[in-house]
C-alpha atoms as a PDB file:
ATOM      1  CA  UNK A   1      53.294  -7.028 -45.467  1.00  0.00           C
ATOM      2  CA  UNK A   2      52.625  -8.987 -42.490  1.00  0.00           C
ATOM      3  CA  UNK A   3      49.359  -9.688 -40.949  1.00  0.00           C
ATOM      4  CA  UNK A   4      50.452  -7.675 -37.863  1.00  0.00           C
ATOM      5  CA  UNK A   5      51.158  -4.666 -40.019  1.00  0.00           C
ATOM      6  CA  UNK A   6      47.850  -5.061 -42.050  1.00  0.00           C
ATOM      7  CA  UNK A   7      45.857  -5.213 -38.654  1.00  0.00           C
ATOM      8  CA  UNK A   8      47.618  -2.080 -37.437  1.00  0.00           C
ATOM      9  CA  UNK A   9      46.738  -0.080 -40.511  1.00  0.00           C
ATOM     10  CA  UNK A  10      43.182  -1.451 -40.368  1.00  0.00           C
ATOM     11  CA  UNK A  11      42.918  -0.535 -36.694  1.00  0.00           C
ATOM     12  CA  UNK A  12      44.228   3.029 -37.426  1.00  0.00           C
ATOM     13  CA  UNK A  13      41.830   3.528 -40.290  1.00  0.00           C
ATOM     14  CA  UNK A  14      38.868   2.407 -38.042  1.00  0.00           C
ATOM     15  CA  UNK A  15      40.077   4.811 -35.334  1.00  0.00           C
ATOM     16  CA  UNK A  16      40.419   7.781 -37.803  1.00  0.00           C
ATOM     17  CA  UNK A  17      37.092   6.917 -39.266  1.00  0.00           C
ATOM     18  CA  UNK A  18      35.437   6.774 -35.782  1.00  0.00           C
ATOM     19  CA  UNK A  19      36.892  10.184 -34.825  1.00  0.00           C
ATOM     20  CA  UNK A  20      35.785  11.881 -38.095  1.00  0.00           C
ATOM     21  CA  UNK A  21      32.169  12.293 -36.994  1.00  0.00           C
ATOM     22  CA  UNK A  22      33.227  13.724 -33.668  1.00  0.00           C
ATOM     23  CA  UNK A  23      35.498  16.420 -35.386  1.00  0.00           C
ATOM     24  CA  UNK A  24      32.852  16.950 -38.096  1.00  0.00           C
ATOM     25  CA  UNK A  25      30.336  17.716 -35.315  1.00  0.00           C
ATOM     26  CA  UNK A  26      32.558  20.373 -33.837  1.00  0.00           C
ATOM     27  CA  UNK A  27      33.463  22.095 -37.095  1.00  0.00           C
ATOM     28  CA  UNK A  28      31.314  25.042 -37.666  1.00  0.00           C
ATOM     29  CA  UNK A  29      29.007  24.921 -40.749  1.00  0.00           C
ATOM     30  CA  UNK A  30      29.901  27.099 -43.661  1.00  0.00           C
ATOM     31  CA  UNK A  31      28.221  30.418 -43.491  1.00  0.00           C
ATOM     32  CA  UNK A  32      25.605  31.318 -45.984  1.00  0.00           C
ATOM     33  CA  UNK A  33      26.987  33.395 -48.952  1.00  0.00           C
ATOM     34  CA  UNK A  34      26.198  36.986 -48.786  1.00  0.00           C
ATOM     35  CA  UNK A  35      22.936  38.115 -50.241  1.00  0.00           C
ATOM     36  CA  UNK A  36      21.485  41.353 -51.218  1.00  0.00           C
ATOM     37  CA  UNK A  37      19.386  42.981 -48.489  1.00  0.00           C
ATOM     38  CA  UNK A  38      16.041  44.078 -50.137  1.00  0.00           C
ATOM     39  CA  UNK A  39      14.766  46.930 -48.361  1.00  0.00           C
ATOM     40  CA  UNK A  40      10.987  47.207 -48.629  1.00  0.00           C
ATOM     41  CA  UNK A  41       9.699  50.280 -50.424  1.00  0.00           C
ATOM     42  CA  UNK A  42       8.131  52.898 -48.153  1.00  0.00           C
ATOM     43  CA  UNK A  43       4.247  52.789 -47.894  1.00  0.00           C
ATOM     44  CA  UNK A  44       3.125  55.881 -49.839  1.00  0.00           C
ATOM     45  CA  UNK A  45      -0.146  57.330 -49.621  1.00  0.00           C
ATOM     46  CA  UNK A  46      -2.950  56.286 -51.972  1.00  0.00           C
ATOM     47  CA  UNK A  47      -4.662  59.594 -52.091  1.00  0.00           C
ATOM     48  CA  UNK A  48      -3.616  62.943 -53.570  1.00  0.00           C
ATOM     49  CA  UNK A  49      -2.027  65.324 -51.155  1.00  0.00           C
ATOM     50  CA  UNK A  50      -1.879  69.114 -51.129  1.00  0.00           C
ATOM     51  CA  UNK A  51      -0.004  71.387 -48.778  1.00  0.00           C
ATOM     52  CA  UNK A  52       0.695  74.995 -49.150  1.00  0.00           C
ATOM     53  CA  UNK A  53       2.746  77.618 -47.259  1.00  0.00           C
ATOM     54  CA  UNK A  54       3.006  81.438 -47.539  1.00  0.00           C
ATOM     55  CA  UNK A  55       6.624  82.325 -47.209  1.00  0.00           C
ATOM     56  CA  UNK A  56       8.506  85.642 -46.849  1.00  0.00           C
ATOM     57  CA  UNK A  57      11.521  86.098 -49.156  1.00  0.00           C
ATOM     58  CA  UNK A  58      14.311  88.535 -48.788  1.00  0.00           C
ATOM     59  CA  UNK A  59      16.394  90.580 -51.278  1.00  0.00           C
ATOM     60  CA  UNK A  60      18.708  87.582 -52.045  1.00  0.00           C
ATOM     61  CA  UNK A  61      15.868  85.403 -52.781  1.00  0.00           C
ATOM     62  CA  UNK A  62      16.063  83.347 -49.664  1.00  0.00           C
ATOM     63  CA  UNK A  63      13.025  82.107 -47.408  1.00  0.00           C
ATOM     64  CA  UNK A  64      13.229  84.069 -44.299  1.00  0.00           C
ATOM     65  CA  UNK A  65      10.265  82.329 -42.540  1.00  0.00           C
ATOM     66  CA  UNK A  66       7.048  80.655 -43.254  1.00  0.00           C
ATOM     67  CA  UNK A  67       4.294  82.969 -42.493  1.00  0.00           C
ATOM     68  CA  UNK A  68       1.463  80.677 -42.632  1.00  0.00           C
ATOM     69  CA  UNK A  69       0.673  77.152 -43.866  1.00  0.00           C
ATOM     70  CA  UNK A  70      -1.795  74.316 -44.599  1.00  0.00           C
ATOM     71  CA  UNK A  71      -0.691  70.881 -44.446  1.00  0.00           C
ATOM     72  CA  UNK A  72      -2.215  67.325 -44.788  1.00  0.00           C
ATOM     73  CA  UNK A  73      -3.056  64.664 -42.380  1.00  0.00           C
ATOM     74  CA  UNK A  74       0.342  62.949 -43.056  1.00  0.00           C
ATOM     75  CA  UNK A  75       2.867  64.522 -40.681  1.00  0.00           C
ATOM     76  CA  UNK A  76       5.948  63.082 -42.724  1.00  0.00           C
ATOM     77  CA  UNK A  77       4.665  64.845 -45.916  1.00  0.00           C
ATOM     78  CA  UNK A  78       4.183  68.078 -43.843  1.00  0.00           C
ATOM     79  CA  UNK A  79       7.647  67.987 -42.329  1.00  0.00           C
ATOM     80  CA  UNK A  80       9.395  67.315 -45.706  1.00  0.00           C
ATOM     81  CA  UNK A  81       7.317  70.008 -47.579  1.00  0.00           C
ATOM     82  CA  UNK A  82       7.800  72.666 -44.630  1.00  0.00           C
ATOM     83  CA  UNK A  83      11.654  71.829 -44.566  1.00  0.00           C
ATOM     84  CA  UNK A  84      11.823  72.212 -48.284  1.00  0.00           C
ATOM     85  CA  UNK A  85       9.989  75.516 -48.176  1.00  0.00           C
ATOM     86  CA  UNK A  86      12.317  76.876 -45.490  1.00  0.00           C
ATOM     87  CA  UNK A  87      15.369  76.116 -47.504  1.00  0.00           C
ATOM     88  CA  UNK A  88      14.028  77.431 -50.934  1.00  0.00           C
ATOM     89  CA  UNK A  89      15.548  80.296 -52.913  1.00  0.00           C
ATOM     90  CA  UNK A  90      12.957  82.044 -55.192  1.00  0.00           C
ATOM     91  CA  UNK A  91      14.620  83.935 -57.963  1.00  0.00           C
ATOM     92  CA  UNK A  92      13.831  85.051 -61.514  1.00  0.00           C
ATOM     93  CA  UNK A  93      15.376  83.449 -64.639  1.00  0.00           C
ATOM     94  CA  UNK A  94      18.064  86.151 -64.624  1.00  0.00           C
ATOM     95  CA  UNK A  95      19.155  85.466 -61.033  1.00  0.00           C
ATOM     96  CA  UNK A  96      17.574  88.626 -59.486  1.00  0.00           C
ATOM     97  CA  UNK A  97      15.145  88.139 -56.663  1.00  0.00           C
ATOM     98  CA  UNK A  98      11.871  90.135 -55.587  1.00  0.00           C
ATOM     99  CA  UNK A  99      11.156  90.704 -52.027  1.00  0.00           C
ATOM    100  CA  UNK A 100       7.739  89.664 -51.055  1.00  0.00           C
ATOM    101  CA  UNK A 101       5.314  87.135 -49.959  1.00  0.00           C
ATOM    102  CA  UNK A 102       4.976  83.972 -52.159  1.00  0.00           C
ATOM    103  CA  UNK A 103       2.536  81.049 -52.075  1.00  0.00           C
ATOM    104  CA  UNK A 104       4.451  77.669 -52.354  1.00  0.00           C
ATOM    105  CA  UNK A 105       2.370  74.655 -53.067  1.00  0.00           C
ATOM    106  CA  UNK A 106       3.086  70.928 -53.079  1.00  0.00           C
ATOM    107  CA  UNK A 107       0.903  68.582 -54.860  1.00  0.00           C
ATOM    108  CA  UNK A 108       1.467  64.680 -54.583  1.00  0.00           C
ATOM    109  CA  UNK A 109       0.146  62.330 -57.288  1.00  0.00           C
ATOM    110  CA  UNK A 110      -0.256  58.744 -55.916  1.00  0.00           C
ATOM    111  CA  UNK A 111      -0.367  57.377 -59.583  1.00  0.00           C
ATOM    112  CA  UNK A 112       3.034  58.710 -60.249  1.00  0.00           C
ATOM    113  CA  UNK A 113       4.465  59.329 -56.751  1.00  0.00           C
ATOM    114  CA  UNK A 114       5.663  62.643 -58.029  1.00  0.00           C
ATOM    115  CA  UNK A 115       5.463  65.884 -55.902  1.00  0.00           C
ATOM    116  CA  UNK A 116       4.823  68.995 -57.988  1.00  0.00           C
ATOM    117  CA  UNK A 117       5.914  72.309 -56.412  1.00  0.00           C
ATOM    118  CA  UNK A 118       4.331  75.579 -57.718  1.00  0.00           C
ATOM    119  CA  UNK A 119       5.436  79.119 -56.556  1.00  0.00           C
ATOM    120  CA  UNK A 120       3.274  82.269 -57.008  1.00  0.00           C
ATOM    121  CA  UNK A 121       3.803  85.759 -55.818  1.00  0.00           C
ATOM    122  CA  UNK A 122       1.160  86.901 -53.461  1.00  0.00           C
ATOM    123  CA  UNK A 123       2.530  90.496 -52.779  1.00  0.00           C
ATOM    124  CA  UNK A 124       5.742  92.465 -53.608  1.00  0.00           C
ATOM    125  CA  UNK A 125       7.800  94.242 -50.821  1.00  0.00           C
ATOM    126  CA  UNK A 126       8.145  93.721 -47.105  1.00  0.00           C
ATOM    127  CA  UNK A 127      10.017  94.609 -43.965  1.00  0.00           C
ATOM    128  CA  UNK A 128      12.191  91.437 -44.051  1.00  0.00           C
ATOM    129  CA  UNK A 129      14.279  92.342 -47.151  1.00  0.00           C
ATOM    130  CA  UNK A 130      17.449  92.388 -45.162  1.00  0.00           C
ATOM    131  CA  UNK A 131      16.866  89.659 -42.849  1.00  0.00           C
ATOM    132  CA  UNK A 132      19.049  86.721 -42.982  1.00  0.00           C
ATOM    133  CA  UNK A 133      17.504  83.605 -44.859  1.00  0.00           C
ATOM    134  CA  UNK A 134      16.074  80.807 -42.594  1.00  0.00           C
ATOM    135  CA  UNK A 135      18.488  78.021 -44.007  1.00  0.00           C
ATOM    136  CA  UNK A 136      21.470  80.322 -43.030  1.00  0.00           C
ATOM    137  CA  UNK A 137      20.021  80.926 -39.576  1.00  0.00           C
ATOM    138  CA  UNK A 138      19.523  77.047 -39.085  1.00  0.00           C
ATOM    139  CA  UNK A 139      23.092  76.563 -40.278  1.00  0.00           C
ATOM    140  CA  UNK A 140      24.515  79.263 -37.901  1.00  0.00           C
ATOM    141  CA  UNK A 141      22.684  77.621 -34.877  1.00  0.00           C
ATOM    142  CA  UNK A 142      24.110  74.262 -35.644  1.00  0.00           C
ATOM    143  CA  UNK A 143      27.550  75.526 -35.804  1.00  0.00           C
ATOM    144  CA  UNK A 144      26.933  77.150 -32.403  1.00  0.00           C
ATOM    145  CA  UNK A 145      25.475  74.297 -30.816  1.00  0.00           C
ATOM    146  CA  UNK A 146      28.543  72.058 -32.178  1.00  0.00           C
ATOM    147  CA  UNK A 147      30.986  74.551 -30.707  1.00  0.00           C
ATOM    148  CA  UNK A 148      29.225  74.505 -27.329  1.00  0.00           C
ATOM    149  CA  UNK A 149      29.297  70.803 -27.309  1.00  0.00           C
ATOM    150  CA  UNK A 150      32.952  70.810 -28.251  1.00  0.00           C
ATOM    151  CA  UNK A 151      33.818  73.275 -25.519  1.00  0.00           C
ATOM    152  CA  UNK A 152      31.761  71.201 -23.045  1.00  0.00           C
ATOM    153  CA  UNK A 153      33.736  67.918 -23.801  1.00  0.00           C
ATOM    154  CA  UNK A 154      37.178  69.804 -23.586  1.00  0.00           C
ATOM    155  CA  UNK A 155      36.136  70.959 -20.227  1.00  0.00           C
ATOM    156  CA  UNK A 156      35.296  67.524 -19.103  1.00  0.00           C
ATOM    157  CA  UNK A 157      38.386  66.094 -20.581  1.00  0.00           C
ATOM    158  CA  UNK A 158      40.408  68.748 -18.689  1.00  0.00           C
ATOM    159  CA  UNK A 159      39.163  67.353 -15.343  1.00  0.00           C
ATOM    160  CA  UNK A 160      40.601  63.890 -16.262  1.00  0.00           C
ATOM    161  CA  UNK A 161      43.873  62.656 -14.723  1.00  0.00           C
ATOM    162  CA  UNK A 162      46.884  62.115 -17.113  1.00  0.00           C
ATOM    163  CA  UNK A 163      47.597  58.550 -18.033  1.00  0.00           C
ATOM    164  CA  UNK A 164      50.888  58.887 -16.119  1.00  0.00           C
ATOM    165  CA  UNK A 165      48.679  59.482 -13.073  1.00  0.00           C
ATOM    166  CA  UNK A 166      46.486  56.474 -13.724  1.00  0.00           C
ATOM    167  CA  UNK A 167      49.074  53.847 -14.583  1.00  0.00           C
ATOM    168  CA  UNK A 168      51.732  55.155 -12.407  1.00  0.00           C
ATOM    169  CA  UNK A 169      54.180  54.907 -15.213  1.00  0.00           C
ATOM    170  CA  UNK A 170      55.630  57.339 -17.649  1.00  0.00           C
ATOM    171  CA  UNK A 171      54.142  57.289 -21.040  1.00  0.00           C
ATOM    172  CA  UNK A 172      56.590  55.588 -23.530  1.00  0.00           C
ATOM    173  CA  UNK A 173      57.573  57.989 -26.408  1.00  0.00           C
ATOM    174  CA  UNK A 174      57.125  56.522 -29.898  1.00  0.00           C
ATOM    175  CA  UNK A 175      60.310  55.093 -31.415  1.00  0.00           C
ATOM    176  CA  UNK A 176      61.405  56.190 -34.795  1.00  0.00           C
ATOM    177  CA  UNK A 177      59.964  54.366 -37.774  1.00  0.00           C
ATOM    178  CA  UNK A 178      62.222  51.670 -39.098  1.00  0.00           C
ATOM    179  CA  UNK A 179      63.686  52.631 -42.335  1.00  0.00           C
ATOM    180  CA  UNK A 180      62.895  50.150 -45.279  1.00  0.00           C
ATOM    181  CA  UNK A 181      65.611  49.655 -47.554  1.00  0.00           C
ATOM    182  CA  UNK A 182      64.610  49.195 -51.247  1.00  0.00           C
ATOM    183  CA  UNK A 183      64.696  45.797 -52.492  1.00  0.00           C
ATOM    184  CA  UNK A 184      67.456  44.727 -55.127  1.00  0.00           C
END
């Protein structure tokens, strides 16, 4: 090799070496590998809690409504127990139900974080035997509200101009899908 050729190689090496830090500076750093996201446990009460509700039960065993109740100072616990009481079915082991007033109590133990639910018959009979259960009423209400929202959205969309009017062009029709021939 001639000196001219060696000096050209040396010069090229120096230029490449000098350009590398500039290229390295513009290259993004590798991202951190994915890590498991640790969700902190909820802050649970450190004292015993007791909530009780008197509920009306129909002939199917569904809770019709909460007649009265006594909660705690924790709104979350009260909401959860009240909602649970409204969605309950109270039946005998053979599957039959007795119309009546029942007391449903919830006891939270801070040592085990367990909630015990106890049910006791207060009085048999009642005028609500043929009424629909509270959970069914809530589901019917939710379905009606969803249908009303859907109808309102459909009415709003009916007022919108067509895509052809907005673009001034006719909407292209889809072309048939290409047929794929089997591989040999």
